[in-house]
PDB file of all heavy atoms in Angstrom:
ATOM      1  N   ASP A   1      -0.750  -5.845 -11.899  1.00  0.00           N
ATOM      2  CA  ASP A   1      -1.912  -4.967 -11.758  1.00  0.00           C
ATOM      3  C   ASP A   1      -2.825  -5.451 -10.632  1.00  0.00           C
ATOM      4  O   ASP A   1      -3.345  -4.646  -9.845  1.00  0.00           O
ATOM      5  CB  ASP A   1      -2.701  -4.911 -13.070  1.00  0.00           C
ATOM      6  CG  ASP A   1      -2.074  -3.969 -14.085  1.00  0.00           C
ATOM      7  OD1 ASP A   1      -1.289  -3.092 -13.675  1.00  0.00           O
ATOM      8  OD2 ASP A   1      -2.376  -4.111 -15.285  1.00  0.00           O
ATOM      9  N   ALA A   2      -3.011  -6.759 -10.551  1.00  0.00           N
ATOM     10  CA  ALA A   2      -3.863  -7.308  -9.500  1.00  0.00           C
ATOM     11  C   ALA A   2      -3.239  -7.076  -8.127  1.00  0.00           C
ATOM     12  O   ALA A   2      -3.939  -6.781  -7.148  1.00  0.00           O
ATOM     13  CB  ALA A   2      -4.091  -8.799  -9.738  1.00  0.00           C
ATOM     14  N   TYR A   3      -1.927  -7.208  -8.032  1.00  0.00           N
ATOM     15  CA  TYR A   3      -1.235  -7.026  -6.762  1.00  0.00           C
ATOM     16  C   TYR A   3      -1.367  -5.584  -6.268  1.00  0.00           C
ATOM     17  O   TYR A   3      -1.648  -5.334  -5.094  1.00  0.00           O
ATOM     18  CB  TYR A   3       0.232  -7.401  -6.920  1.00  0.00           C
ATOM     19  CG  TYR A   3       1.046  -7.215  -5.664  1.00  0.00           C
ATOM     20  CD1 TYR A   3       0.799  -7.996  -4.536  1.00  0.00           C
ATOM     21  CD2 TYR A   3       2.051  -6.260  -5.607  1.00  0.00           C
ATOM     22  CE1 TYR A   3       1.544  -7.806  -3.374  1.00  0.00           C
ATOM     23  CE2 TYR A   3       2.802  -6.078  -4.454  1.00  0.00           C
ATOM     24  CZ  TYR A   3       2.546  -6.852  -3.341  1.00  0.00           C
ATOM     25  OH  TYR A   3       3.273  -6.666  -2.199  1.00  0.00           O
ATOM     26  N   TYR A   4      -1.166  -4.618  -7.174  1.00  0.00           N
ATOM     27  CA  TYR A   4      -1.303  -3.209  -6.818  1.00  0.00           C
ATOM     28  C   TYR A   4      -2.764  -2.761  -6.721  1.00  0.00           C
ATOM     29  O   TYR A   4      -3.048  -1.719  -6.123  1.00  0.00           O
ATOM     30  CB  TYR A   4      -0.629  -2.322  -7.866  1.00  0.00           C
ATOM     31  CG  TYR A   4       0.863  -2.183  -7.739  1.00  0.00           C
ATOM     32  CD1 TYR A   4       1.720  -2.748  -8.674  1.00  0.00           C
ATOM     33  CD2 TYR A   4       1.431  -1.455  -6.694  1.00  0.00           C
ATOM     34  CE1 TYR A   4       3.101  -2.603  -8.576  1.00  0.00           C
ATOM     35  CE2 TYR A   4       2.806  -1.296  -6.587  1.00  0.00           C
ATOM     36  CZ  TYR A   4       3.635  -1.880  -7.535  1.00  0.00           C
ATOM     37  OH  TYR A   4       4.995  -1.729  -7.442  1.00  0.00           O
ATOM     38  N   GLY A   5      -3.677  -3.520  -7.343  1.00  0.00           N
ATOM     39  CA  GLY A   5      -5.033  -3.015  -7.483  1.00  0.00           C
ATOM     40  C   GLY A   5      -5.040  -1.770  -8.350  1.00  0.00           C
ATOM     41  O   GLY A   5      -5.719  -0.782  -8.064  1.00  0.00           O
ATOM     42  N   THR A   6      -4.266  -1.817  -9.442  1.00  0.00           N
ATOM     43  CA  THR A   6      -4.011  -0.635 -10.270  1.00  0.00           C
ATOM     44  C   THR A   6      -5.303  -0.044 -10.826  1.00  0.00           C
ATOM     45  O   THR A   6      -6.101  -0.745 -11.461  1.00  0.00           O
ATOM     46  CB  THR A   6      -3.078  -0.997 -11.435  1.00  0.00           C
ATOM     47  OG1 THR A   6      -1.895  -1.604 -10.917  1.00  0.00           O
ATOM     48  CG2 THR A   6      -2.701   0.238 -12.234  1.00  0.00           C
ATOM     49  N   THR A   7      -5.505   1.256 -10.582  1.00  0.00           N
ATOM     50  CA  THR A   7      -6.662   1.965 -11.112  1.00  0.00           C
ATOM     51  C   THR A   7      -6.228   3.349 -11.574  1.00  0.00           C
ATOM     52  O   THR A   7      -5.246   3.910 -11.089  1.00  0.00           O
ATOM     53  CB  THR A   7      -7.758   2.138 -10.039  1.00  0.00           C
ATOM     54  OG1 THR A   7      -7.192   2.781  -8.897  1.00  0.00           O
ATOM     55  CG2 THR A   7      -8.340   0.789  -9.633  1.00  0.00           C
ATOM     56  N   LEU A   8      -6.992   3.903 -12.517  1.00  0.00           N
ATOM     57  CA  LEU A   8      -6.774   5.275 -12.964  1.00  0.00           C
ATOM     58  C   LEU A   8      -7.593   6.214 -12.088  1.00  0.00           C
ATOM     59  O   LEU A   8      -8.793   6.020 -11.906  1.00  0.00           O
ATOM     60  CB  LEU A   8      -7.203   5.437 -14.422  1.00  0.00           C
ATOM     61  CG  LEU A   8      -6.185   5.147 -15.526  1.00  0.00           C
ATOM     62  CD1 LEU A   8      -6.859   5.236 -16.883  1.00  0.00           C
ATOM     63  CD2 LEU A   8      -5.007   6.113 -15.461  1.00  0.00           C
ATOM     64  N   ASP A   9      -6.947   7.251 -11.538  1.00  0.00           N
ATOM     65  CA  ASP A   9      -7.704   8.211 -10.749  1.00  0.00           C
ATOM     66  C   ASP A   9      -8.326   9.263 -11.656  1.00  0.00           C
ATOM     67  O   ASP A   9      -8.209   9.196 -12.888  1.00  0.00           O
ATOM     68  CB  ASP A   9      -6.833   8.834  -9.645  1.00  0.00           C
ATOM     69  CG  ASP A   9      -5.709   9.717 -10.180  1.00  0.00           C
ATOM     70  OD1 ASP A   9      -5.730  10.082 -11.378  1.00  0.00           O
ATOM     71  OD2 ASP A   9      -4.798  10.057  -9.399  1.00  0.00           O
ATOM     72  N   THR A  10      -8.988  10.243 -11.074  1.00  0.00           N
ATOM     73  CA  THR A  10      -9.698  11.246 -11.883  1.00  0.00           C
ATOM     74  C   THR A  10      -8.760  12.139 -12.668  1.00  0.00           C
ATOM     75  O   THR A  10      -9.185  12.806 -13.615  1.00  0.00           O
ATOM     76  CB  THR A  10     -10.582  12.123 -10.968  1.00  0.00           C
ATOM     77  OG1 THR A  10      -9.759  12.698  -9.940  1.00  0.00           O
ATOM     78  CG2 THR A  10     -11.678  11.288 -10.326  1.00  0.00           C
ATOM     79  N   ASP A  11      -7.486  12.160 -12.288  1.00  0.00           N
ATOM     80  CA  ASP A  11      -6.490  12.941 -13.035  1.00  0.00           C
ATOM     81  C   ASP A  11      -5.779  12.105 -14.096  1.00  0.00           C
ATOM     82  O   ASP A  11      -4.831  12.582 -14.731  1.00  0.00           O
ATOM     83  CB  ASP A  11      -5.447  13.512 -12.073  1.00  0.00           C
ATOM     84  CG  ASP A  11      -6.036  14.531 -11.122  1.00  0.00           C
ATOM     85  OD1 ASP A  11      -6.907  15.315 -11.554  1.00  0.00           O
ATOM     86  OD2 ASP A  11      -5.645  14.541  -9.933  1.00  0.00           O
ATOM     87  N   GLY A  12      -6.201  10.859 -14.260  1.00  0.00           N
ATOM     88  CA  GLY A  12      -5.587   9.998 -15.264  1.00  0.00           C
ATOM     89  C   GLY A  12      -4.253   9.421 -14.834  1.00  0.00           C
ATOM     90  O   GLY A  12      -3.429   9.072 -15.683  1.00  0.00           O
ATOM     91  N   VAL A  13      -4.034   9.294 -13.527  1.00  0.00           N
ATOM     92  CA  VAL A  13      -2.789   8.749 -12.989  1.00  0.00           C
ATOM     93  C   VAL A  13      -3.057   7.359 -12.437  1.00  0.00           C
ATOM     94  O   VAL A  13      -4.022   7.132 -11.700  1.00  0.00           O
ATOM     95  CB  VAL A  13      -2.238   9.657 -11.871  1.00  0.00           C
ATOM     96  CG1 VAL A  13      -0.997   9.040 -11.234  1.00  0.00           C
ATOM     97  CG2 VAL A  13      -1.925  11.042 -12.424  1.00  0.00           C
ATOM     98  N   TYR A  14      -2.192   6.417 -12.797  1.00  0.00           N
ATOM     99  CA  TYR A  14      -2.328   5.064 -12.251  1.00  0.00           C
ATOM    100  C   TYR A  14      -1.928   5.056 -10.780  1.00  0.00           C
ATOM    101  O   TYR A  14      -0.837   5.498 -10.411  1.00  0.00           O
ATOM    102  CB  TYR A  14      -1.463   4.076 -13.034  1.00  0.00           C
ATOM    103  CG  TYR A  14      -2.006   3.751 -14.398  1.00  0.00           C
ATOM    104  CD1 TYR A  14      -1.401   4.255 -15.552  1.00  0.00           C
ATOM    105  CD2 TYR A  14      -3.133   2.939 -14.547  1.00  0.00           C
ATOM    106  CE1 TYR A  14      -1.902   3.962 -16.816  1.00  0.00           C
ATOM    107  CE2 TYR A  14      -3.636   2.629 -15.810  1.00  0.00           C
ATOM    108  CZ  TYR A  14      -3.021   3.145 -16.928  1.00  0.00           C
ATOM    109  OH  TYR A  14      -3.511   2.850 -18.177  1.00  0.00           O
ATOM    110  N   GLN A  15      -2.835   4.544  -9.951  1.00  0.00           N
ATOM    111  CA  GLN A  15      -2.626   4.513  -8.511  1.00  0.00           C
ATOM    112  C   GLN A  15      -2.757   3.079  -7.991  1.00  0.00           C
ATOM    113  O   GLN A  15      -3.372   2.224  -8.619  1.00  0.00           O
ATOM    114  CB  GLN A  15      -3.684   5.384  -7.805  1.00  0.00           C
ATOM    115  CG  GLN A  15      -3.640   6.848  -8.183  1.00  0.00           C
ATOM    116  CD  GLN A  15      -2.649   7.624  -7.336  1.00  0.00           C
ATOM    117  OE1 GLN A  15      -1.869   7.053  -6.585  1.00  0.00           O
ATOM    118  NE2 GLN A  15      -2.684   8.947  -7.433  1.00  0.00           N
ATOM    119  N   ALA A  16      -2.187   2.846  -6.826  1.00  0.00           N
ATOM    120  CA  ALA A  16      -2.369   1.577  -6.134  1.00  0.00           C
ATOM    121  C   ALA A  16      -3.593   1.685  -5.230  1.00  0.00           C
ATOM    122  O   ALA A  16      -3.807   2.703  -4.567  1.00  0.00           O
ATOM    123  CB  ALA A  16      -1.132   1.243  -5.303  1.00  0.00           C
ATOM    124  N   SER A  17      -4.383   0.637  -5.187  1.00  0.00           N
ATOM    125  CA  SER A  17      -5.582   0.652  -4.372  1.00  0.00           C
ATOM    126  C   SER A  17      -5.242   0.512  -2.889  1.00  0.00           C
ATOM    127  O   SER A  17      -4.379  -0.292  -2.525  1.00  0.00           O
ATOM    128  CB  SER A  17      -6.510  -0.494  -4.782  1.00  0.00           C
ATOM    129  OG  SER A  17      -7.546  -0.666  -3.833  1.00  0.00           O
ATOM    130  N   PRO A  18      -5.921   1.236  -2.021  1.00  0.00           N
ATOM    131  CA  PRO A  18      -5.696   1.078  -0.584  1.00  0.00           C
ATOM    132  C   PRO A  18      -6.180  -0.262  -0.054  1.00  0.00           C
ATOM    133  O   PRO A  18      -5.855  -0.631   1.079  1.00  0.00           O
ATOM    134  CB  PRO A  18      -6.500   2.237   0.020  1.00  0.00           C
ATOM    135  CG  PRO A  18      -7.535   2.572  -1.004  1.00  0.00           C
ATOM    136  CD  PRO A  18      -6.894   2.299  -2.325  1.00  0.00           C
ATOM    137  N   ASP A  19      -6.936  -0.989  -0.865  1.00  0.00           N
ATOM    138  CA  ASP A  19      -7.440  -2.308  -0.462  1.00  0.00           C
ATOM    139  C   ASP A  19      -6.679  -3.450  -1.139  1.00  0.00           C
ATOM    140  O   ASP A  19      -7.117  -4.599  -1.093  1.00  0.00           O
ATOM    141  CB  ASP A  19      -8.931  -2.434  -0.808  1.00  0.00           C
ATOM    142  CG  ASP A  19      -9.775  -1.371  -0.122  1.00  0.00           C
ATOM    143  OD1 ASP A  19      -9.505  -1.088   1.062  1.00  0.00           O
ATOM    144  OD2 ASP A  19     -10.676  -0.825  -0.772  1.00  0.00           O
ATOM    145  N   SER A  20      -5.533  -3.144  -1.731  1.00  0.00           N
ATOM    146  CA  SER A  20      -4.786  -4.137  -2.512  1.00  0.00           C
ATOM    147  C   SER A  20      -3.881  -4.996  -1.638  1.00  0.00           C
ATOM    148  O   SER A  20      -3.538  -4.618  -0.508  1.00  0.00           O
ATOM    149  CB  SER A  20      -3.924  -3.421  -3.551  1.00  0.00           C
ATOM    150  OG  SER A  20      -2.945  -2.619  -2.901  1.00  0.00           O
ATOM    151  N   PRO A  21      -3.445  -6.147  -2.149  1.00  0.00           N
ATOM    152  CA  PRO A  21      -2.420  -6.926  -1.446  1.00  0.00           C
ATOM    153  C   PRO A  21      -1.142  -6.121  -1.206  1.00  0.00           C
ATOM    154  O   PRO A  21      -0.483  -6.282  -0.180  1.00  0.00           O
ATOM    155  CB  PRO A  21      -2.164  -8.110  -2.387  1.00  0.00           C
ATOM    156  CG  PRO A  21      -3.437  -8.259  -3.154  1.00  0.00           C
ATOM    157  CD  PRO A  21      -3.952  -6.860  -3.339  1.00  0.00           C
ATOM    158  N   TYR A  22      -0.807  -5.244  -2.150  1.00  0.00           N
ATOM    159  CA  TYR A  22       0.348  -4.361  -1.994  1.00  0.00           C
ATOM    160  C   TYR A  22       0.207  -3.499  -0.744  1.00  0.00           C
ATOM    161  O   TYR A  22       1.122  -3.416   0.090  1.00  0.00           O
ATOM    162  CB  TYR A  22       0.476  -3.488  -3.242  1.00  0.00           C
ATOM    163  CG  TYR A  22       1.509  -2.386  -3.182  1.00  0.00           C
ATOM    164  CD1 TYR A  22       2.868  -2.670  -3.082  1.00  0.00           C
ATOM    165  CD2 TYR A  22       1.127  -1.041  -3.262  1.00  0.00           C
ATOM    166  CE1 TYR A  22       3.817  -1.646  -3.055  1.00  0.00           C
ATOM    167  CE2 TYR A  22       2.062  -0.018  -3.243  1.00  0.00           C
ATOM    168  CZ  TYR A  22       3.407  -0.326  -3.134  1.00  0.00           C
ATOM    169  OH  TYR A  22       4.340   0.687  -3.110  1.00  0.00           O
ATOM    170  N   ALA A  23      -0.956  -2.872  -0.584  1.00  0.00           N
ATOM    171  CA  ALA A  23      -1.193  -2.020   0.577  1.00  0.00           C
ATOM    172  C   ALA A  23      -1.143  -2.832   1.870  1.00  0.00           C
ATOM    173  O   ALA A  23      -0.633  -2.359   2.892  1.00  0.00           O
ATOM    174  CB  ALA A  23      -2.539  -1.303   0.444  1.00  0.00           C
ATOM    175  N   ASP A  24      -1.667  -4.045   1.841  1.00  0.00           N
ATOM    176  CA  ASP A  24      -1.633  -4.904   3.022  1.00  0.00           C
ATOM    177  C   ASP A  24      -0.193  -5.236   3.419  1.00  0.00           C
ATOM    178  O   ASP A  24       0.166  -5.214   4.603  1.00  0.00           O
ATOM    179  CB  ASP A  24      -2.405  -6.197   2.764  1.00  0.00           C
ATOM    180  CG  ASP A  24      -3.910  -5.980   2.665  1.00  0.00           C
ATOM    181  OD1 ASP A  24      -4.389  -4.909   3.101  1.00  0.00           O
ATOM    182  OD2 ASP A  24      -4.599  -6.872   2.142  1.00  0.00           O
ATOM    183  N   ASP A  25       0.642  -5.550   2.423  1.00  0.00           N
ATOM    184  CA  ASP A  25       2.043  -5.884   2.714  1.00  0.00           C
ATOM    185  C   ASP A  25       2.800  -4.671   3.237  1.00  0.00           C
ATOM    186  O   ASP A  25       3.639  -4.782   4.140  1.00  0.00           O
ATOM    187  CB  ASP A  25       2.720  -6.445   1.463  1.00  0.00           C
ATOM    188  CG  ASP A  25       2.251  -7.851   1.119  1.00  0.00           C
ATOM    189  OD1 ASP A  25       1.787  -8.558   2.034  1.00  0.00           O
ATOM    190  OD2 ASP A  25       2.353  -8.241  -0.054  1.00  0.00           O
ATOM    191  N   LEU A  26       2.513  -3.501   2.670  1.00  0.00           N
ATOM    192  CA  LEU A  26       3.131  -2.275   3.175  1.00  0.00           C
ATOM    193  C   LEU A  26       2.748  -2.033   4.632  1.00  0.00           C
ATOM    194  O   LEU A  26       3.590  -1.660   5.458  1.00  0.00           O
ATOM    195  CB  LEU A  26       2.686  -1.074   2.336  1.00  0.00           C
ATOM    196  CG  LEU A  26       3.273  -0.927   0.943  1.00  0.00           C
ATOM    197  CD1 LEU A  26       2.538   0.186   0.189  1.00  0.00           C
ATOM    198  CD2 LEU A  26       4.763  -0.621   0.992  1.00  0.00           C
ATOM    199  N   ALA A  27       1.483  -2.244   4.943  1.00  0.00           N
ATOM    200  CA  ALA A  27       1.010  -1.999   6.301  1.00  0.00           C
ATOM    201  C   ALA A  27       1.722  -2.906   7.301  1.00  0.00           C
ATOM    202  O   ALA A  27       2.056  -2.475   8.413  1.00  0.00           O
ATOM    203  CB  ALA A  27      -0.502  -2.206   6.371  1.00  0.00           C
ATOM    204  N   ARG A  28       1.972  -4.149   6.920  1.00  0.00           N
ATOM    205  CA  ARG A  28       2.685  -5.060   7.817  1.00  0.00           C
ATOM    206  C   ARG A  28       4.128  -4.598   8.033  1.00  0.00           C
ATOM    207  O   ARG A  28       4.647  -4.643   9.157  1.00  0.00           O
ATOM    208  CB  ARG A  28       2.644  -6.477   7.259  1.00  0.00           C
ATOM    209  CG  ARG A  28       1.346  -7.204   7.551  1.00  0.00           C
ATOM    210  CD  ARG A  28       1.433  -8.666   7.147  1.00  0.00           C
ATOM    211  NE  ARG A  28       1.307  -8.823   5.705  1.00  0.00           N
ATOM    212  CZ  ARG A  28       0.140  -8.984   5.084  1.00  0.00           C
ATOM    213  NH1 ARG A  28      -0.989  -8.985   5.776  1.00  0.00           N
ATOM    214  NH2 ARG A  28       0.089  -9.125   3.772  1.00  0.00           N
ATOM    215  N   ALA A  29       4.775  -4.166   6.958  1.00  0.00           N
ATOM    216  CA  ALA A  29       6.151  -3.675   7.090  1.00  0.00           C
ATOM    217  C   ALA A  29       6.204  -2.425   7.953  1.00  0.00           C
ATOM    218  O   ALA A  29       7.080  -2.276   8.810  1.00  0.00           O
ATOM    219  CB  ALA A  29       6.738  -3.393   5.706  1.00  0.00           C
ATOM    220  N   ASP A  30       5.252  -1.506   7.738  1.00  0.00           N
ATOM    221  CA  ASP A  30       5.225  -0.274   8.513  1.00  0.00           C
ATOM    222  C   ASP A  30       4.981  -0.556   9.993  1.00  0.00           C
ATOM    223  O   ASP A  30       5.586   0.078  10.872  1.00  0.00           O
ATOM    224  CB  ASP A  30       4.140   0.660   7.984  1.00  0.00           C
ATOM    225  CG  ASP A  30       4.504   1.297   6.653  1.00  0.00           C
ATOM    226  OD1 ASP A  30       5.658   1.139   6.216  1.00  0.00           O
ATOM    227  OD2 ASP A  30       3.633   1.942   6.048  1.00  0.00           O
ATOM    228  N   ALA A  31       4.105  -1.506  10.284  1.00  0.00           N
ATOM    229  CA  ALA A  31       3.819  -1.845  11.675  1.00  0.00           C
ATOM    230  C   ALA A  31       5.065  -2.391  12.369  1.00  0.00           C
ATOM    231  O   ALA A  31       5.357  -2.053  13.523  1.00  0.00           O
ATOM    232  CB  ALA A  31       2.675  -2.856  11.750  1.00  0.00           C
ATOM    233  N   ALA A  32       5.810  -3.227  11.658  1.00  0.00           N
ATOM    234  CA  ALA A  32       7.045  -3.770  12.231  1.00  0.00           C
ATOM    235  C   ALA A  32       8.069  -2.666  12.455  1.00  0.00           C
ATOM    236  O   ALA A  32       8.757  -2.635  13.483  1.00  0.00           O
ATOM    237  CB  ALA A  32       7.615  -4.845  11.303  1.00  0.00           C
ATOM    238  N   ALA A  33       8.175  -1.742  11.501  1.00  0.00           N
ATOM    239  CA  ALA A  33       9.125  -0.635  11.634  1.00  0.00           C
ATOM    240  C   ALA A  33       8.745   0.278  12.800  1.00  0.00           C
ATOM    241  O   ALA A  33       9.619   0.770  13.526  1.00  0.00           O
ATOM    242  CB  ALA A  33       9.196   0.159  10.335  1.00  0.00           C
ATOM    243  N   LYS A  34       7.459   0.504  12.998  1.00  0.00           N
ATOM    244  CA  LYS A  34       7.024   1.354  14.110  1.00  0.00           C
ATOM    245  C   LYS A  34       7.384   0.723  15.451  1.00  0.00           C
ATOM    246  O   LYS A  34       7.761   1.431  16.396  1.00  0.00           O
ATOM    247  CB  LYS A  34       5.525   1.619  14.010  1.00  0.00           C
ATOM    248  CG  LYS A  34       5.156   2.623  12.929  1.00  0.00           C
ATOM    249  CD  LYS A  34       3.661   2.879  12.859  1.00  0.00           C
ATOM    250  CE  LYS A  34       3.337   3.924  11.800  1.00  0.00           C
ATOM    251  NZ  LYS A  34       1.878   4.184  11.696  1.00  0.00           N
ATOM    252  N   LYS A  35       7.286  -0.584  15.552  1.00  0.00           N
ATOM    253  CA  LYS A  35       7.684  -1.257  16.789  1.00  0.00           C
ATOM    254  C   LYS A  35       9.171  -1.057  17.057  1.00  0.00           C
ATOM    255  O   LYS A  35       9.588  -0.833  18.201  1.00  0.00           O
ATOM    256  CB  LYS A  35       7.351  -2.745  16.712  1.00  0.00           C
ATOM    257  CG  LYS A  35       5.865  -3.051  16.791  1.00  0.00           C
ATOM    258  CD  LYS A  35       5.606  -4.553  16.749  1.00  0.00           C
ATOM    259  CE  LYS A  35       4.108  -4.852  16.838  1.00  0.00           C
ATOM    260  NZ  LYS A  35       3.844  -6.315  16.775  1.00  0.00           N
ATOM    261  N   GLN A  36       9.969  -1.127  15.999  1.00  0.00           N
ATOM    262  CA  GLN A  36      11.408  -0.893  16.154  1.00  0.00           C
ATOM    263  C   GLN A  36      11.686   0.552  16.556  1.00  0.00           C
ATOM    264  O   GLN A  36      12.561   0.828  17.394  1.00  0.00           O
ATOM    265  CB  GLN A  36      12.141  -1.242  14.859  1.00  0.00           C
ATOM    266  CG  GLN A  36      13.613  -0.896  14.828  1.00  0.00           C
ATOM    267  CD  GLN A  36      14.466  -1.672  15.820  1.00  0.00           C
ATOM    268  OE1 GLN A  36      13.959  -2.481  16.589  1.00  0.00           O
ATOM    269  NE2 GLN A  36      15.767  -1.430  15.803  1.00  0.00           N
ATOM    270  N   ILE A  37      10.956   1.489  15.970  1.00  0.00           N
ATOM    271  CA  ILE A  37      11.100   2.901  16.339  1.00  0.00           C
ATOM    272  C   ILE A  37      10.754   3.095  17.815  1.00  0.00           C
ATOM    273  O   ILE A  37      11.455   3.801  18.548  1.00  0.00           O
ATOM    274  CB  ILE A  37      10.209   3.780  15.436  1.00  0.00           C
ATOM    275  CG1 ILE A  37      10.773   3.821  14.007  1.00  0.00           C
ATOM    276  CG2 ILE A  37      10.077   5.192  16.006  1.00  0.00           C
ATOM    277  CD1 ILE A  37       9.826   4.434  12.995  1.00  0.00           C
ATOM    278  N   ASP A  38       9.696   2.462  18.264  1.00  0.00           N
ATOM    279  CA  ASP A  38       9.302   2.563  19.671  1.00  0.00           C
ATOM    280  C   ASP A  38      10.398   2.031  20.587  1.00  0.00           C
ATOM    281  O   ASP A  38      10.727   2.647  21.607  1.00  0.00           O
ATOM    282  CB  ASP A  38       8.006   1.792  19.917  1.00  0.00           C
ATOM    283  CG  ASP A  38       6.789   2.452  19.286  1.00  0.00           C
ATOM    284  OD1 ASP A  38       6.872   3.652  18.952  1.00  0.00           O
ATOM    285  OD2 ASP A  38       5.774   1.762  19.102  1.00  0.00           O
ATOM    286  N   ARG A  39      10.958   0.871  20.227  1.00  0.00           N
ATOM    287  CA  ARG A  39      12.034   0.295  21.040  1.00  0.00           C
ATOM    288  C   ARG A  39      13.243   1.223  21.080  1.00  0.00           C
ATOM    289  O   ARG A  39      13.852   1.440  22.134  1.00  0.00           O
ATOM    290  CB  ARG A  39      12.438  -1.078  20.484  1.00  0.00           C
ATOM    291  CG  ARG A  39      11.439  -2.190  20.752  1.00  0.00           C
ATOM    292  CD  ARG A  39      12.045  -3.544  20.422  1.00  0.00           C
ATOM    293  NE  ARG A  39      12.266  -3.706  18.992  1.00  0.00           N
ATOM    294  CZ  ARG A  39      11.389  -4.254  18.162  1.00  0.00           C
ATOM    295  NH1 ARG A  39      10.220  -4.694  18.611  1.00  0.00           N
ATOM    296  NH2 ARG A  39      11.669  -4.383  16.875  1.00  0.00           N
TER     297      ARG A  39
END
């Protein structure tokens, strides 16, 4: 839960926080993939 920053949204759905360690790790992976796409 801490890794995802798990929270309930207004519709009662568990979501990952955009400020979570999970989101940070995703952003790093996406940035690396975009560099490969550019190449």
